[in-house]
C-alpha atoms as a PDB file:
ATOM      1  CA  MET A   1      42.857  30.708  58.740  1.00  0.00           C
ATOM      2  CA  ASN A   2      41.496  32.830  55.877  1.00  0.00           C
ATOM      3  CA  GLY A   3      38.396  30.611  55.849  1.00  0.00           C
ATOM      4  CA  LEU A   4      40.359  27.759  54.275  1.00  0.00           C
ATOM      5  CA  ARG A   5      40.118  24.135  55.469  1.00  0.00           C
ATOM      6  CA  GLU A   6      43.487  22.637  56.327  1.00  0.00           C
ATOM      7  CA  SER A   7      44.443  19.092  56.995  1.00  0.00           C
ATOM      8  CA  ALA A   8      46.599  18.044  59.918  1.00  0.00           C
ATOM      9  CA  SER A   9      49.684  18.657  57.744  1.00  0.00           C
ATOM     10  CA  GLY A  10      48.623  22.291  57.122  1.00  0.00           C
ATOM     11  CA  ILE A  11      47.809  21.781  53.426  1.00  0.00           C
ATOM     12  CA  ASP A  12      44.806  23.681  52.058  1.00  0.00           C
ATOM     13  CA  THR A  13      42.617  20.688  51.150  1.00  0.00           C
ATOM     14  CA  ASP A  14      39.867  22.820  49.492  1.00  0.00           C
ATOM     15  CA  LEU A  15      42.365  24.398  47.115  1.00  0.00           C
ATOM     16  CA  LEU A  16      43.879  21.067  46.166  1.00  0.00           C
ATOM     17  CA  SER A  17      40.520  19.385  45.743  1.00  0.00           C
ATOM     18  CA  SER A  18      39.183  22.069  43.452  1.00  0.00           C
ATOM     19  CA  ALA A  19      42.422  22.105  41.461  1.00  0.00           C
ATOM     20  CA  ILE A  20      42.375  18.389  40.931  1.00  0.00           C
ATOM     21  CA  ALA A  21      38.744  18.602  39.821  1.00  0.00           C
ATOM     22  CA  ASP A  22      39.643  21.365  37.375  1.00  0.00           C
ATOM     23  CA  GLY A  23      42.647  19.428  36.097  1.00  0.00           C
ATOM     24  CA  ASP A  24      45.122  22.082  37.208  1.00  0.00           C
ATOM     25  CA  CYS A  25      47.038  20.106  39.825  1.00  0.00           C
ATOM     26  CA  ALA A  26      50.517  21.441  38.991  1.00  0.00           C
ATOM     27  CA  GLN A  27      49.515  25.090  39.533  1.00  0.00           C
ATOM     28  CA  ALA A  28      47.765  24.198  42.838  1.00  0.00           C
ATOM     29  CA  VAL A  29      50.886  22.387  44.028  1.00  0.00           C
ATOM     30  CA  GLU A  30      53.053  25.437  43.158  1.00  0.00           C
ATOM     31  CA  ALA A  31      50.664  27.751  44.980  1.00  0.00           C
ATOM     32  CA  GLU A  32      50.676  25.480  48.054  1.00  0.00           C
ATOM     33  CA  GLN A  33      54.454  25.269  48.023  1.00  0.00           C
ATOM     34  CA  THR A  34      54.668  29.073  47.892  1.00  0.00           C
ATOM     35  CA  ARG A  35      52.101  29.409  50.668  1.00  0.00           C
ATOM     36  CA  LEU A  36      54.220  27.127  52.837  1.00  0.00           C
ATOM     37  CA  LEU A  37      57.367  29.209  52.229  1.00  0.00           C
ATOM     38  CA  TYR A  38      55.567  32.314  53.539  1.00  0.00           C
ATOM     39  CA  ARG A  39      53.853  30.457  56.351  1.00  0.00           C
ATOM     40  CA  HIS A  40      57.240  29.643  57.930  1.00  0.00           C
ATOM     41  CA  LEU A  41      58.829  32.991  57.257  1.00  0.00           C
ATOM     42  CA  PRO A  42      57.994  34.659  60.664  1.00  0.00           C
ATOM     43  CA  ALA A  43      59.888  31.916  62.562  1.00  0.00           C
ATOM     44  CA  THR A  44      62.795  32.201  60.170  1.00  0.00           C
ATOM     45  CA  LEU A  45      63.066  35.949  60.614  1.00  0.00           C
ATOM     46  CA  GLY A  46      62.768  35.727  64.369  1.00  0.00           C
ATOM     47  CA  ALA A  47      65.439  33.052  64.605  1.00  0.00           C
ATOM     48  CA  SER A  48      67.746  35.039  62.304  1.00  0.00           C
ATOM     49  CA  LEU A  49      67.493  38.129  64.431  1.00  0.00           C
ATOM     50  CA  LEU A  50      67.873  36.208  67.691  1.00  0.00           C
ATOM     51  CA  VAL A  51      70.994  34.441  66.465  1.00  0.00           C
ATOM     52  CA  ALA A  52      72.385  37.705  65.150  1.00  0.00           C
ATOM     53  CA  VAL A  53      71.929  39.483  68.478  1.00  0.00           C
ATOM     54  CA  ALA A  54      73.516  36.482  70.340  1.00  0.00           C
ATOM     55  CA  PHE A  55      76.450  36.589  67.962  1.00  0.00           C
ATOM     56  CA  ALA A  56      76.932  40.308  68.437  1.00  0.00           C
ATOM     57  CA  ALA A  57      76.840  39.907  72.234  1.00  0.00           C
ATOM     58  CA  VAL A  58      79.465  37.174  72.179  1.00  0.00           C
ATOM     59  CA  LEU A  59      81.812  38.942  69.792  1.00  0.00           C
ATOM     60  CA  TRP A  60      81.273  42.556  70.858  1.00  0.00           C
ATOM     61  CA  GLN A  61      84.758  42.764  72.390  1.00  0.00           C
ATOM     62  CA  ALA A  62      86.507  40.882  69.569  1.00  0.00           C
ATOM     63  CA  LEU A  63      85.221  42.946  66.643  1.00  0.00           C
ATOM     64  CA  PRO A  64      84.990  46.641  65.982  1.00  0.00           C
ATOM     65  CA  GLY A  65      81.647  47.860  67.394  1.00  0.00           C
ATOM     66  CA  GLN A  66      80.924  50.105  64.408  1.00  0.00           C
ATOM     67  CA  SER A  67      81.316  47.248  61.908  1.00  0.00           C
ATOM     68  CA  LEU A  68      79.288  44.861  63.999  1.00  0.00           C
ATOM     69  CA  SER A  69      76.536  47.470  64.369  1.00  0.00           C
ATOM     70  CA  MET A  70      76.497  48.072  60.628  1.00  0.00           C
ATOM     71  CA  TRP A  71      76.181  44.337  60.014  1.00  0.00           C
ATOM     72  CA  LEU A  72      73.347  44.036  62.525  1.00  0.00           C
ATOM     73  CA  GLY A  73      71.613  47.009  60.963  1.00  0.00           C
ATOM     74  CA  ALA A  74      71.911  45.472  57.480  1.00  0.00           C
ATOM     75  CA  LEU A  75      70.440  42.233  58.744  1.00  0.00           C
ATOM     76  CA  ALA A  76      67.612  44.028  60.499  1.00  0.00           C
ATOM     77  CA  ILE A  77      66.839  45.950  57.305  1.00  0.00           C
ATOM     78  CA  VAL A  78      66.760  42.769  55.262  1.00  0.00           C
ATOM     79  CA  CYS A  79      64.539  41.025  57.844  1.00  0.00           C
ATOM     80  CA  GLY A  80      62.291  44.053  57.945  1.00  0.00           C
ATOM     81  CA  LEU A  81      61.926  44.077  54.140  1.00  0.00           C
ATOM     82  CA  ARG A  82      61.198  40.374  54.195  1.00  0.00           C
ATOM     83  CA  PHE A  83      58.536  40.920  56.837  1.00  0.00           C
ATOM     84  CA  VAL A  84      56.966  43.609  54.650  1.00  0.00           C
ATOM     85  CA  LEU A  85      56.991  41.090  51.784  1.00  0.00           C
ATOM     86  CA  LEU A  86      55.207  38.636  54.016  1.00  0.00           C
ATOM     87  CA  LEU A  87      52.532  41.181  54.862  1.00  0.00           C
ATOM     88  CA  ARG A  88      52.035  42.003  51.196  1.00  0.00           C
ATOM     89  CA  TYR A  89      51.731  38.291  50.369  1.00  0.00           C
ATOM     90  CA  ARG A  90      49.164  37.779  53.092  1.00  0.00           C
ATOM     91  CA  HIS A  91      47.230  40.814  51.979  1.00  0.00           C
ATOM     92  CA  SER A  92      47.195  39.587  48.380  1.00  0.00           C
ATOM     93  CA  ALA A  93      45.255  36.535  49.492  1.00  0.00           C
ATOM     94  CA  GLY A  94      46.755  34.404  46.779  1.00  0.00           C
ATOM     95  CA  ASP A  95      45.961  36.682  43.816  1.00  0.00           C
ATOM     96  CA  GLY A  96      48.745  36.788  41.334  1.00  0.00           C
ATOM     97  CA  SER A  97      51.152  34.177  40.186  1.00  0.00           C
ATOM     98  CA  ALA A  98      52.762  31.794  42.705  1.00  0.00           C
ATOM     99  CA  ASP A  99      55.880  32.076  40.576  1.00  0.00           C
ATOM    100  CA  VAL A 100      56.091  35.853  41.146  1.00  0.00           C
ATOM    101  CA  TRP A 101      55.693  35.458  44.910  1.00  0.00           C
ATOM    102  CA  ARG A 102      58.254  32.639  44.968  1.00  0.00           C
ATOM    103  CA  ARG A 103      60.791  34.789  43.065  1.00  0.00           C
ATOM    104  CA  ARG A 104      60.270  37.600  45.583  1.00  0.00           C
ATOM    105  CA  PHE A 105      60.806  35.148  48.434  1.00  0.00           C
ATOM    106  CA  LEU A 106      64.036  33.892  46.835  1.00  0.00           C
ATOM    107  CA  MET A 107      65.308  37.426  46.382  1.00  0.00           C
ATOM    108  CA  GLY A 108      64.776  38.049  50.081  1.00  0.00           C
ATOM    109  CA  THR A 109      66.514  34.806  50.911  1.00  0.00           C
ATOM    110  CA  PHE A 110      69.417  35.761  48.682  1.00  0.00           C
ATOM    111  CA  ALA A 111      69.757  39.148  50.388  1.00  0.00           C
ATOM    112  CA  ALA A 112      69.755  37.484  53.837  1.00  0.00           C
ATOM    113  CA  GLY A 113      72.405  35.053  52.654  1.00  0.00           C
ATOM    114  CA  LEU A 114      74.571  37.907  51.421  1.00  0.00           C
ATOM    115  CA  VAL A 115      74.385  39.600  54.817  1.00  0.00           C
ATOM    116  CA  TRP A 116      75.140  36.381  56.713  1.00  0.00           C
ATOM    117  CA  GLY A 117      77.986  35.612  54.241  1.00  0.00           C
ATOM    118  CA  ALA A 118      79.466  39.059  54.791  1.00  0.00           C
ATOM    119  CA  LEU A 119      79.893  38.051  58.436  1.00  0.00           C
ATOM    120  CA  GLY A 120      82.459  35.400  57.489  1.00  0.00           C
ATOM    121  CA  TRP A 121      84.074  37.568  54.812  1.00  0.00           C
ATOM    122  CA  PHE A 122      84.391  40.943  56.409  1.00  0.00           C
ATOM    123  CA  LEU A 123      83.913  40.429  60.134  1.00  0.00           C
ATOM    124  CA  LEU A 124      86.145  37.446  60.813  1.00  0.00           C
ATOM    125  CA  PRO A 125      87.906  37.927  64.173  1.00  0.00           C
ATOM    126  CA  ALA A 126      91.644  37.519  64.525  1.00  0.00           C
ATOM    127  CA  GLU A 127      91.574  35.017  67.433  1.00  0.00           C
ATOM    128  CA  GLY A 128      91.283  31.355  66.519  1.00  0.00           C
ATOM    129  CA  TYR A 129      88.509  30.502  69.018  1.00  0.00           C
ATOM    130  CA  HIS A 130      86.429  33.410  67.839  1.00  0.00           C
ATOM    131  CA  GLN A 131      86.969  32.313  64.244  1.00  0.00           C
ATOM    132  CA  ALA A 132      85.765  28.851  65.211  1.00  0.00           C
ATOM    133  CA  PHE A 133      82.677  30.400  66.825  1.00  0.00           C
ATOM    134  CA  VAL A 134      81.913  32.271  63.606  1.00  0.00           C
ATOM    135  CA  ALA A 135      82.408  29.093  61.541  1.00  0.00           C
ATOM    136  CA  PHE A 136      80.033  27.099  63.759  1.00  0.00           C
ATOM    137  CA  LEU A 137      77.550  29.915  63.747  1.00  0.00           C
ATOM    138  CA  LEU A 138      77.525  30.120  59.928  1.00  0.00           C
ATOM    139  CA  ALA A 139      77.312  26.376  59.666  1.00  0.00           C
ATOM    140  CA  GLY A 140      74.303  26.426  61.985  1.00  0.00           C
ATOM    141  CA  VAL A 141      72.598  29.204  60.096  1.00  0.00           C
ATOM    142  CA  THR A 142      73.180  27.344  56.847  1.00  0.00           C
ATOM    143  CA  ALA A 143      71.801  24.114  58.280  1.00  0.00           C
ATOM    144  CA  GLY A 144      68.820  25.887  59.708  1.00  0.00           C
ATOM    145  CA  SER A 145      68.040  27.612  56.436  1.00  0.00           C
ATOM    146  CA  ALA A 146      68.060  24.280  54.593  1.00  0.00           C
ATOM    147  CA  THR A 147      65.242  22.817  56.751  1.00  0.00           C
END
């Protein structure tokens, strides 16, 4: 993996060892935290799209198809942009500030949260059991994003 030695936990031990030797441990920890954010991003994006498609399939009859398609499109665009961000991060090979890359990651996360939040705000079905489905879905997405 990029010629870096990783421990069983996935932490770049060469980076941390050299940072501790140089006395720059805080910066190395921030860089490692940022690397871990991007390392898990592909699974996050895949799960987000999978859950969105399942949601659309379940509620296709209960919601206007055009509105649901626009929501799915918006989520696909946000996920696509976040994937491009992931590719740019990987291509940068750690050059640049971890703080800059973390801010970019958070902006993508915020955009995804806005799209998922729009689901409960603009696309809430009229039927009670469909509303419960949306509530459980949003609770699950929120819980999944916190881990």
